[in-house]
Every structure is written in structure tokens, then in C-alpha cells.
Amino acid sequence: MAKTAFWSLFLGFCMVIVGCSDSSSTSGEGKDPQPGEYYWFKSADGDYKVLKVLAVDSDVTHICYYTNVFKDEPGEDVIPSLYFGRLTSDFQGSFPALYDIVNGKRWHGRKHYPVTRHNWDYWEPQFFHSGSVYPTELESYEKWKEGTQEISPVESLPGN
């Protein structure tokens, strides 16, 4: 009887510990992204960039990512300074890239970029702020929906 009570108490204690563990991890991996959420990720060049979730379909997360480059993990204080670079003639198709020169490197951002769940996890995005999505932010997404709806199957990180 005492042995059964001990194991019941022990099991209950373990359930409380697991249930009370910090589930507010900032990692985007395994977390279902929501429209308006901001995440940072490490670019292919090792610097930090910021993305925003625009929309979520059953198998695709639609994001934009900004031209800004950060040496340290960005926080919500950077949101007002986020911008897209100048549109280049190289990428006028489904995935128009916006480039800017930052510290002598050519960086880019995208106003719309559809990523698969696999690519989302590969980028290892780290959640840092919830916001809203404005109708003007959805213009490129709406054009994508009316077009070919291409999705890059390539496992890659944005870089310069």
C-alpha cells in the first residue's frame, strides 16, 4: 500500500513538474506561426534578420523578411526601423527581391515569401513579438494567390 502511494505521489509530482515547465519558448520550431508575429533568424551569412508572418495556409507559411541586418538578436524595439530595400530588375518574377547596401554588403528583403513547414523549421525562427497584418502588407501575397503559386522547395536561408 505504501509503495503504491509513493509511486502515485511520485507520478503526480512528475506530472506537475512537466505541466509547469516553461512552455513559452521563443523558438518557432514546432510552434504554429500566426499572422502578425515577428521572428528573428540567422541568415546564411551569420547575421540576424527579421521576418513577419503574413498568412498561414494548411501547408505554407507566408512571410515577409526585411532588408535590415543585425549583429545581435533583435527585439521588439527594432520593429519601427524595419524596411525593404530598393526593387531590382533582376527579380521581377514571382519572388521580387528588394536589395540595399548595408555595411558594404548587398542585402535583400522580400515582401512575400511562401515557405513550407520544413523550410520554416530549417530557418529556426525565434518568436519575439505579436503584431497585426495590414492590408497593404498582403498585396504581394494576394498577387501570389492569383498567379502561379510557386513555392521554393529548396532548403535555404536568405543571405546577401
N, C-alpha and C. Protein backbone atom coordinates (compact mmCIF):
# COMPACT_ATOMS: atom_id res chain seq x y z
N MET A 1 0.83 -1.19 0.00
CA MET A 1 0.00 0.00 0.00
C MET A 1 0.87 1.26 0.00
N ALA A 2 1.88 1.27 0.87
CA ALA A 2 2.76 2.44 0.95
C ALA A 2 3.55 2.60 -0.34
N LYS A 3 3.93 1.46 -0.92
CA LYS A 3 4.68 1.51 -2.17
C LYS A 3 3.81 2.10 -3.29
N THR A 4 2.54 1.71 -3.36
CA THR A 4 1.61 2.22 -4.37
C THR A 4 1.37 3.71 -4.16
N ALA A 5 1.22 4.11 -2.91
CA ALA A 5 1.01 5.53 -2.60
C ALA A 5 2.23 6.35 -3.00
N PHE A 6 3.42 5.81 -2.73
CA PHE A 6 4.65 6.52 -3.10
C PHE A 6 4.71 6.74 -4.59
N TRP A 7 4.47 5.66 -5.38
CA TRP A 7 4.56 5.80 -6.85
C TRP A 7 3.47 6.71 -7.39
N SER A 8 2.29 6.68 -6.80
CA SER A 8 1.21 7.59 -7.22
C SER A 8 1.60 9.03 -6.94
N LEU A 9 2.17 9.27 -5.76
CA LEU A 9 2.62 10.61 -5.40
C LEU A 9 3.76 11.06 -6.30
N PHE A 10 4.71 10.15 -6.56
CA PHE A 10 5.84 10.45 -7.44
C PHE A 10 5.37 10.79 -8.85
N LEU A 11 4.46 9.99 -9.40
CA LEU A 11 3.92 10.21 -10.73
C LEU A 11 3.18 11.56 -10.79
N GLY A 12 2.40 11.85 -9.76
CA GLY A 12 1.69 13.13 -9.70
C GLY A 12 2.67 14.30 -9.66
N PHE A 13 3.73 14.17 -8.89
CA PHE A 13 4.76 15.21 -8.80
C PHE A 13 5.41 15.44 -10.17
N CYS A 14 5.73 14.35 -10.87
CA CYS A 14 6.35 14.46 -12.21
C CYS A 14 5.40 15.15 -13.18
N MET A 15 4.13 14.84 -13.11
CA MET A 15 3.16 15.48 -14.00
C MET A 15 3.06 16.98 -13.72
N VAL A 16 3.12 17.35 -12.45
CA VAL A 16 3.09 18.77 -12.09
C VAL A 16 4.33 19.47 -12.62
N ILE A 17 5.49 18.86 -12.46
CA ILE A 17 6.75 19.46 -12.94
C ILE A 17 6.69 19.64 -14.45
N VAL A 18 6.28 18.61 -15.18
CA VAL A 18 6.19 18.71 -16.64
C VAL A 18 5.15 19.74 -17.03
N GLY A 19 4.01 19.73 -16.37
CA GLY A 19 2.94 20.68 -16.69
C GLY A 19 3.31 22.11 -16.38
N CYS A 20 4.17 22.32 -15.42
CA CYS A 20 4.57 23.68 -15.04
C CYS A 20 5.85 24.13 -15.70
N SER A 21 6.45 23.27 -16.51
CA SER A 21 7.70 23.69 -17.15
C SER A 21 7.42 24.84 -18.10
N ASP A 22 8.44 25.60 -18.37
CA ASP A 22 8.31 26.79 -19.20
C ASP A 22 8.05 26.40 -20.64
N SER A 23 6.81 26.57 -21.09
CA SER A 23 6.45 26.25 -22.47
C SER A 23 6.43 27.50 -23.31
N SER A 24 6.92 28.60 -22.78
CA SER A 24 6.90 29.86 -23.51
C SER A 24 8.20 30.07 -24.28
N SER A 25 8.75 28.97 -24.77
CA SER A 25 9.99 29.05 -25.54
C SER A 25 9.81 30.00 -26.72
N THR A 26 10.87 30.70 -27.06
CA THR A 26 10.78 31.64 -28.16
C THR A 26 11.02 30.96 -29.49
N SER A 27 11.39 29.70 -29.50
CA SER A 27 11.67 29.04 -30.77
C SER A 27 10.42 28.92 -31.60
N GLY A 28 10.56 29.14 -32.91
CA GLY A 28 9.46 28.98 -33.83
C GLY A 28 9.33 27.54 -34.30
N GLU A 29 10.35 26.72 -34.04
CA GLU A 29 10.31 25.34 -34.49
C GLU A 29 9.25 24.58 -33.72
N GLY A 30 8.36 23.90 -34.45
CA GLY A 30 7.31 23.13 -33.82
C GLY A 30 6.12 23.98 -33.39
N LYS A 31 6.27 25.28 -33.35
CA LYS A 31 5.20 26.19 -32.97
C LYS A 31 4.43 26.58 -34.23
N ASP A 32 3.13 26.64 -34.13
CA ASP A 32 2.35 27.08 -35.27
C ASP A 32 2.40 28.59 -35.36
N PRO A 33 3.02 29.11 -36.41
CA PRO A 33 3.11 30.57 -36.55
C PRO A 33 1.74 31.18 -36.81
N GLN A 34 1.56 32.40 -36.35
CA GLN A 34 0.29 33.11 -36.52
C GLN A 34 0.53 34.43 -37.25
N PRO A 35 -0.43 34.85 -38.09
CA PRO A 35 -0.28 36.13 -38.78
C PRO A 35 -0.01 37.28 -37.80
N GLY A 36 0.94 38.13 -38.18
CA GLY A 36 1.28 39.28 -37.36
C GLY A 36 2.46 39.04 -36.43
N GLU A 37 2.90 37.80 -36.30
CA GLU A 37 4.01 37.51 -35.40
C GLU A 37 5.34 37.86 -36.06
N TYR A 38 6.26 38.39 -35.25
CA TYR A 38 7.61 38.71 -35.69
C TYR A 38 8.58 37.67 -35.13
N TYR A 39 9.52 37.28 -35.95
CA TYR A 39 10.56 36.33 -35.57
C TYR A 39 11.90 36.85 -36.07
N TRP A 40 12.97 36.50 -35.38
CA TRP A 40 14.30 36.74 -35.93
C TRP A 40 14.87 35.39 -36.31
N PHE A 41 15.80 35.41 -37.25
CA PHE A 41 16.50 34.19 -37.64
C PHE A 41 17.91 34.56 -38.07
N LYS A 42 18.79 33.58 -38.07
CA LYS A 42 20.17 33.80 -38.52
C LYS A 42 20.22 33.58 -40.02
N SER A 43 20.74 34.56 -40.74
CA SER A 43 20.86 34.44 -42.19
C SER A 43 22.02 33.52 -42.54
N ALA A 44 22.14 33.20 -43.81
CA ALA A 44 23.23 32.34 -44.28
C ALA A 44 24.59 32.95 -43.99
N ASP A 45 24.65 34.28 -43.83
CA ASP A 45 25.90 34.97 -43.55
C ASP A 45 26.20 35.08 -42.06
N GLY A 46 25.30 34.56 -41.22
CA GLY A 46 25.54 34.57 -39.78
C GLY A 46 25.00 35.79 -39.05
N ASP A 47 24.45 36.75 -39.80
CA ASP A 47 23.84 37.91 -39.15
C ASP A 47 22.37 37.60 -38.88
N TYR A 48 21.71 38.49 -38.15
CA TYR A 48 20.31 38.29 -37.81
C TYR A 48 19.41 39.12 -38.71
N LYS A 49 18.28 38.53 -39.10
CA LYS A 49 17.27 39.21 -39.89
C LYS A 49 15.92 39.00 -39.21
N VAL A 50 14.94 39.81 -39.61
CA VAL A 50 13.61 39.74 -39.03
C VAL A 50 12.60 39.36 -40.11
N LEU A 51 11.69 38.48 -39.75
CA LEU A 51 10.58 38.13 -40.63
C LEU A 51 9.28 38.38 -39.90
N LYS A 52 8.23 38.53 -40.69
CA LYS A 52 6.88 38.71 -40.14
C LYS A 52 5.97 37.72 -40.86
N VAL A 53 5.10 37.06 -40.10
CA VAL A 53 4.14 36.13 -40.69
C VAL A 53 2.97 36.94 -41.24
N LEU A 54 2.68 36.73 -42.53
CA LEU A 54 1.58 37.45 -43.18
C LEU A 54 0.30 36.62 -43.17
N ALA A 55 0.43 35.34 -43.49
CA ALA A 55 -0.73 34.45 -43.57
C ALA A 55 -0.23 33.02 -43.39
N VAL A 56 -1.15 32.14 -43.01
CA VAL A 56 -0.81 30.73 -42.83
C VAL A 56 -1.87 29.91 -43.54
N ASP A 57 -1.44 29.09 -44.51
CA ASP A 57 -2.31 28.14 -45.17
C ASP A 57 -2.04 26.77 -44.57
N SER A 58 -2.74 25.76 -45.05
CA SER A 58 -2.59 24.43 -44.45
C SER A 58 -1.16 23.91 -44.50
N ASP A 59 -0.43 24.18 -45.59
CA ASP A 59 0.93 23.63 -45.69
C ASP A 59 1.99 24.68 -46.00
N VAL A 60 1.61 25.94 -46.01
CA VAL A 60 2.54 27.02 -46.35
C VAL A 60 2.38 28.18 -45.37
N THR A 61 3.51 28.72 -44.94
CA THR A 61 3.52 29.94 -44.12
C THR A 61 4.01 31.06 -45.02
N HIS A 62 3.24 32.11 -45.11
CA HIS A 62 3.58 33.25 -45.96
C HIS A 62 4.20 34.33 -45.07
N ILE A 63 5.41 34.70 -45.42
CA ILE A 63 6.15 35.67 -44.61
C ILE A 63 6.66 36.80 -45.48
N CYS A 64 7.10 37.85 -44.83
CA CYS A 64 7.96 38.84 -45.47
C CYS A 64 9.21 38.88 -44.59
N TYR A 65 10.33 39.17 -45.20
CA TYR A 65 11.51 39.39 -44.38
C TYR A 65 12.18 40.67 -44.84
N TYR A 66 12.70 41.37 -43.88
CA TYR A 66 13.16 42.74 -44.08
C TYR A 66 14.63 42.80 -44.50
N THR A 67 15.01 43.92 -45.07
CA THR A 67 16.38 44.15 -45.53
C THR A 67 17.34 44.35 -44.35
N ASN A 68 16.85 44.89 -43.25
CA ASN A 68 17.70 45.17 -42.10
C ASN A 68 18.57 43.98 -41.72
N VAL A 69 19.76 44.28 -41.27
CA VAL A 69 20.72 43.28 -40.81
C VAL A 69 21.13 43.67 -39.39
N PHE A 70 21.17 42.69 -38.49
CA PHE A 70 21.53 42.95 -37.10
C PHE A 70 22.68 42.02 -36.69
N LYS A 71 23.59 42.56 -35.92
CA LYS A 71 24.71 41.76 -35.41
C LYS A 71 24.31 40.95 -34.18
N ASP A 72 23.29 41.43 -33.46
CA ASP A 72 22.78 40.75 -32.27
C ASP A 72 21.32 40.40 -32.47
N GLU A 73 20.82 39.50 -31.62
CA GLU A 73 19.41 39.11 -31.70
C GLU A 73 18.53 40.36 -31.55
N PRO A 74 17.68 40.64 -32.55
CA PRO A 74 16.83 41.82 -32.45
C PRO A 74 15.64 41.59 -31.52
N GLY A 75 15.13 42.68 -30.97
CA GLY A 75 13.95 42.65 -30.12
C GLY A 75 12.90 43.57 -30.69
N GLU A 76 11.78 43.70 -29.96
CA GLU A 76 10.67 44.48 -30.49
C GLU A 76 11.01 45.96 -30.69
N ASP A 77 12.07 46.44 -30.09
CA ASP A 77 12.47 47.84 -30.27
C ASP A 77 12.90 48.14 -31.70
N VAL A 78 13.24 47.11 -32.51
CA VAL A 78 13.67 47.34 -33.89
C VAL A 78 12.50 47.44 -34.87
N ILE A 79 11.31 47.05 -34.45
CA ILE A 79 10.17 46.99 -35.37
C ILE A 79 9.92 48.31 -36.11
N PRO A 80 9.94 49.46 -35.44
CA PRO A 80 9.70 50.71 -36.18
C PRO A 80 10.75 51.01 -37.25
N SER A 81 11.94 50.41 -37.14
CA SER A 81 13.00 50.70 -38.10
C SER A 81 13.07 49.70 -39.26
N LEU A 82 12.21 48.69 -39.27
CA LEU A 82 12.26 47.68 -40.32
C LEU A 82 11.86 48.26 -41.66
N TYR A 83 12.57 47.86 -42.71
CA TYR A 83 12.27 48.38 -44.05
C TYR A 83 12.65 47.36 -45.11
N PHE A 84 12.21 47.62 -46.33
CA PHE A 84 12.59 46.85 -47.51
C PHE A 84 13.49 47.72 -48.36
N GLY A 85 14.46 47.11 -49.02
CA GLY A 85 15.38 47.85 -49.88
C GLY A 85 14.73 48.27 -51.18
N ARG A 86 15.57 48.64 -52.12
CA ARG A 86 15.09 49.07 -53.43
C ARG A 86 14.82 47.85 -54.31
N LEU A 87 13.77 47.91 -55.11
CA LEU A 87 13.45 46.83 -56.04
C LEU A 87 14.48 46.77 -57.14
N THR A 88 14.98 45.58 -57.43
CA THR A 88 15.96 45.42 -58.50
C THR A 88 15.29 44.80 -59.72
N SER A 89 15.86 45.03 -60.87
CA SER A 89 15.28 44.49 -62.09
C SER A 89 15.61 43.00 -62.26
N ASP A 90 16.53 42.46 -61.45
CA ASP A 90 16.92 41.05 -61.58
C ASP A 90 15.77 40.10 -61.25
N PHE A 91 14.98 40.45 -60.27
CA PHE A 91 13.96 39.54 -59.75
C PHE A 91 12.58 40.16 -59.84
N GLN A 92 12.04 40.25 -61.03
CA GLN A 92 10.72 40.85 -61.20
C GLN A 92 9.63 39.79 -61.27
N GLY A 93 9.98 38.52 -61.16
CA GLY A 93 9.01 37.44 -61.29
C GLY A 93 8.18 37.24 -60.04
N SER A 94 7.94 35.99 -59.71
CA SER A 94 7.10 35.63 -58.57
C SER A 94 7.67 36.05 -57.24
N PHE A 95 9.01 36.15 -57.16
CA PHE A 95 9.67 36.47 -55.91
C PHE A 95 10.50 37.74 -56.06
N PRO A 96 9.86 38.91 -56.18
CA PRO A 96 10.66 40.12 -56.32
C PRO A 96 11.50 40.37 -55.08
N ALA A 97 12.78 40.60 -55.28
CA ALA A 97 13.69 40.86 -54.17
C ALA A 97 13.95 42.35 -54.07
N LEU A 98 14.10 42.82 -52.88
CA LEU A 98 14.39 44.22 -52.63
C LEU A 98 15.76 44.29 -51.99
N TYR A 99 16.68 44.96 -52.67
CA TYR A 99 18.07 44.99 -52.23
C TYR A 99 18.45 46.34 -51.67
N ASP A 100 19.43 46.31 -50.80
CA ASP A 100 20.01 47.53 -50.27
C ASP A 100 21.46 47.19 -49.90
N ILE A 101 22.28 48.22 -49.85
CA ILE A 101 23.67 48.02 -49.45
C ILE A 101 23.77 48.36 -47.97
N VAL A 102 24.22 47.39 -47.18
CA VAL A 102 24.37 47.57 -45.74
C VAL A 102 25.80 47.15 -45.39
N ASN A 103 26.56 48.07 -44.87
CA ASN A 103 27.96 47.79 -44.50
C ASN A 103 28.75 47.15 -45.64
N GLY A 104 28.53 47.65 -46.84
CA GLY A 104 29.28 47.17 -47.98
C GLY A 104 28.78 45.86 -48.57
N LYS A 105 27.76 45.25 -47.97
CA LYS A 105 27.19 44.01 -48.50
C LYS A 105 25.83 44.31 -49.13
N ARG A 106 25.48 43.51 -50.11
CA ARG A 106 24.19 43.67 -50.77
C ARG A 106 23.18 42.76 -50.08
N TRP A 107 22.28 43.33 -49.32
CA TRP A 107 21.28 42.57 -48.57
C TRP A 107 19.93 42.69 -49.25
N HIS A 108 19.10 41.72 -48.99
CA HIS A 108 17.77 41.79 -49.58
C HIS A 108 16.69 41.44 -48.58
N GLY A 109 15.49 41.85 -48.95
CA GLY A 109 14.30 41.52 -48.20
C GLY A 109 13.24 41.11 -49.21
N ARG A 110 12.19 40.53 -48.74
CA ARG A 110 11.09 40.13 -49.62
C ARG A 110 9.78 40.51 -48.98
N LYS A 111 8.90 41.10 -49.78
CA LYS A 111 7.58 41.48 -49.25
C LYS A 111 6.65 40.29 -49.15
N HIS A 112 6.95 39.22 -49.87
CA HIS A 112 6.19 37.98 -49.74
C HIS A 112 7.11 36.82 -50.09
N TYR A 113 7.12 35.82 -49.23
CA TYR A 113 7.91 34.63 -49.49
C TYR A 113 7.19 33.45 -48.85
N PRO A 114 6.65 32.54 -49.67
CA PRO A 114 5.97 31.37 -49.11
C PRO A 114 6.99 30.29 -48.72
N VAL A 115 6.88 29.78 -47.52
CA VAL A 115 7.80 28.73 -47.08
C VAL A 115 7.00 27.51 -46.61
N THR A 116 7.54 26.35 -46.91
CA THR A 116 6.94 25.12 -46.44
C THR A 116 7.21 24.97 -44.94
N ARG A 117 6.52 24.07 -44.31
CA ARG A 117 6.75 23.82 -42.88
C ARG A 117 8.19 23.35 -42.65
N HIS A 118 8.69 22.54 -43.60
CA HIS A 118 10.06 22.05 -43.49
C HIS A 118 11.06 23.22 -43.53
N ASN A 119 10.87 24.14 -44.47
CA ASN A 119 11.77 25.30 -44.53
C ASN A 119 11.60 26.19 -43.30
N TRP A 120 10.38 26.35 -42.82
CA TRP A 120 10.14 27.13 -41.60
C TRP A 120 10.99 26.58 -40.47
N ASP A 121 10.95 25.28 -40.29
CA ASP A 121 11.74 24.65 -39.22
C ASP A 121 13.24 24.78 -39.49
N TYR A 122 13.64 24.68 -40.75
CA TYR A 122 15.05 24.78 -41.11
C TYR A 122 15.61 26.17 -40.76
N TRP A 123 14.80 27.21 -40.94
CA TRP A 123 15.24 28.58 -40.63
C TRP A 123 15.41 28.79 -39.13
N GLU A 124 14.78 27.96 -38.31
CA GLU A 124 14.81 28.08 -36.85
C GLU A 124 14.43 29.48 -36.37
N PRO A 125 13.26 29.96 -36.78
CA PRO A 125 12.85 31.31 -36.37
C PRO A 125 12.57 31.38 -34.87
N GLN A 126 12.90 32.52 -34.29
CA GLN A 126 12.71 32.73 -32.86
C GLN A 126 11.69 33.85 -32.66
N PHE A 127 10.56 33.51 -32.09
CA PHE A 127 9.47 34.47 -31.87
C PHE A 127 9.93 35.58 -30.93
N PHE A 128 9.53 36.84 -31.25
CA PHE A 128 9.81 37.90 -30.28
C PHE A 128 8.72 38.94 -30.13
N HIS A 129 7.68 38.93 -30.98
CA HIS A 129 6.63 39.94 -30.81
C HIS A 129 5.39 39.58 -31.63
N SER A 130 4.22 39.88 -31.09
CA SER A 130 2.96 39.73 -31.83
C SER A 130 2.50 41.10 -32.30
N GLY A 131 2.01 41.16 -33.51
CA GLY A 131 1.51 42.41 -34.07
C GLY A 131 0.31 42.14 -34.95
N SER A 132 0.07 43.03 -35.88
CA SER A 132 -1.05 42.91 -36.81
C SER A 132 -0.52 42.87 -38.23
N VAL A 133 -1.34 42.36 -39.13
CA VAL A 133 -1.03 42.39 -40.55
C VAL A 133 -1.99 43.39 -41.19
N TYR A 134 -1.42 44.34 -41.91
CA TYR A 134 -2.22 45.39 -42.54
C TYR A 134 -2.50 45.02 -43.99
N PRO A 135 -3.63 45.47 -44.55
CA PRO A 135 -3.98 45.12 -45.93
C PRO A 135 -2.87 45.41 -46.95
N THR A 136 -2.13 46.48 -46.78
CA THR A 136 -1.06 46.80 -47.73
C THR A 136 0.06 45.76 -47.67
N GLU A 137 0.24 45.11 -46.52
CA GLU A 137 1.27 44.09 -46.39
C GLU A 137 0.88 42.80 -47.13
N LEU A 138 -0.39 42.65 -47.44
CA LEU A 138 -0.88 41.44 -48.09
C LEU A 138 -0.94 41.56 -49.61
N GLU A 139 -0.56 42.70 -50.17
CA GLU A 139 -0.68 42.90 -51.62
C GLU A 139 0.13 41.86 -52.40
N SER A 140 1.37 41.62 -52.04
CA SER A 140 2.19 40.64 -52.76
C SER A 140 1.66 39.22 -52.56
N TYR A 141 1.14 38.93 -51.38
CA TYR A 141 0.53 37.62 -51.11
C TYR A 141 -0.69 37.42 -52.00
N GLU A 142 -1.53 38.45 -52.13
CA GLU A 142 -2.72 38.36 -52.98
C GLU A 142 -2.33 38.14 -54.43
N LYS A 143 -1.28 38.81 -54.91
CA LYS A 143 -0.80 38.60 -56.29
C LYS A 143 -0.31 37.17 -56.46
N TRP A 144 0.37 36.63 -55.46
CA TRP A 144 0.84 35.26 -55.50
C TRP A 144 -0.34 34.30 -55.62
N LYS A 145 -1.41 34.53 -54.84
CA LYS A 145 -2.58 33.66 -54.88
C LYS A 145 -3.23 33.66 -56.27
N GLU A 146 -3.19 34.80 -56.95
CA GLU A 146 -3.79 34.93 -58.29
C GLU A 146 -2.86 34.39 -59.38
N GLY A 147 -1.60 34.16 -59.05
CA GLY A 147 -0.61 33.73 -60.04
C GLY A 147 -0.33 32.24 -60.01
N THR A 148 0.93 31.91 -60.19
CA THR A 148 1.36 30.51 -60.30
C THR A 148 1.47 29.79 -58.96
N GLN A 149 1.48 30.52 -57.89
CA GLN A 149 1.57 29.98 -56.53
C GLN A 149 2.80 29.10 -56.36
N GLU A 150 3.92 29.58 -56.86
CA GLU A 150 5.18 28.85 -56.72
C GLU A 150 5.66 28.87 -55.27
N ILE A 151 6.22 27.75 -54.87
CA ILE A 151 6.82 27.62 -53.54
C ILE A 151 8.19 27.01 -53.72
N SER A 152 9.19 27.64 -53.17
CA SER A 152 10.54 27.13 -53.31
C SER A 152 10.71 25.86 -52.47
N PRO A 153 11.04 24.74 -53.13
CA PRO A 153 11.26 23.50 -52.38
C PRO A 153 12.67 23.42 -51.81
N VAL A 154 13.49 24.40 -52.13
CA VAL A 154 14.89 24.38 -51.73
C VAL A 154 15.03 24.73 -50.25
N GLU A 155 15.82 23.93 -49.55
CA GLU A 155 16.11 24.20 -48.15
C GLU A 155 17.25 25.20 -48.12
N SER A 156 16.90 26.47 -47.87
CA SER A 156 17.94 27.50 -47.89
C SER A 156 17.59 28.64 -46.96
N LEU A 157 18.61 29.36 -46.58
CA LEU A 157 18.45 30.55 -45.75
C LEU A 157 18.77 31.78 -46.59
N PRO A 158 18.07 32.89 -46.39
CA PRO A 158 18.44 34.11 -47.09
C PRO A 158 19.84 34.56 -46.66
N GLY A 159 20.56 35.10 -47.57
CA GLY A 159 21.87 35.67 -47.28
C GLY A 159 22.03 36.91 -48.12
N ASN A 160 23.25 37.31 -48.35
CA ASN A 160 23.42 38.51 -49.18
C ASN A 160 23.64 38.12 -50.62
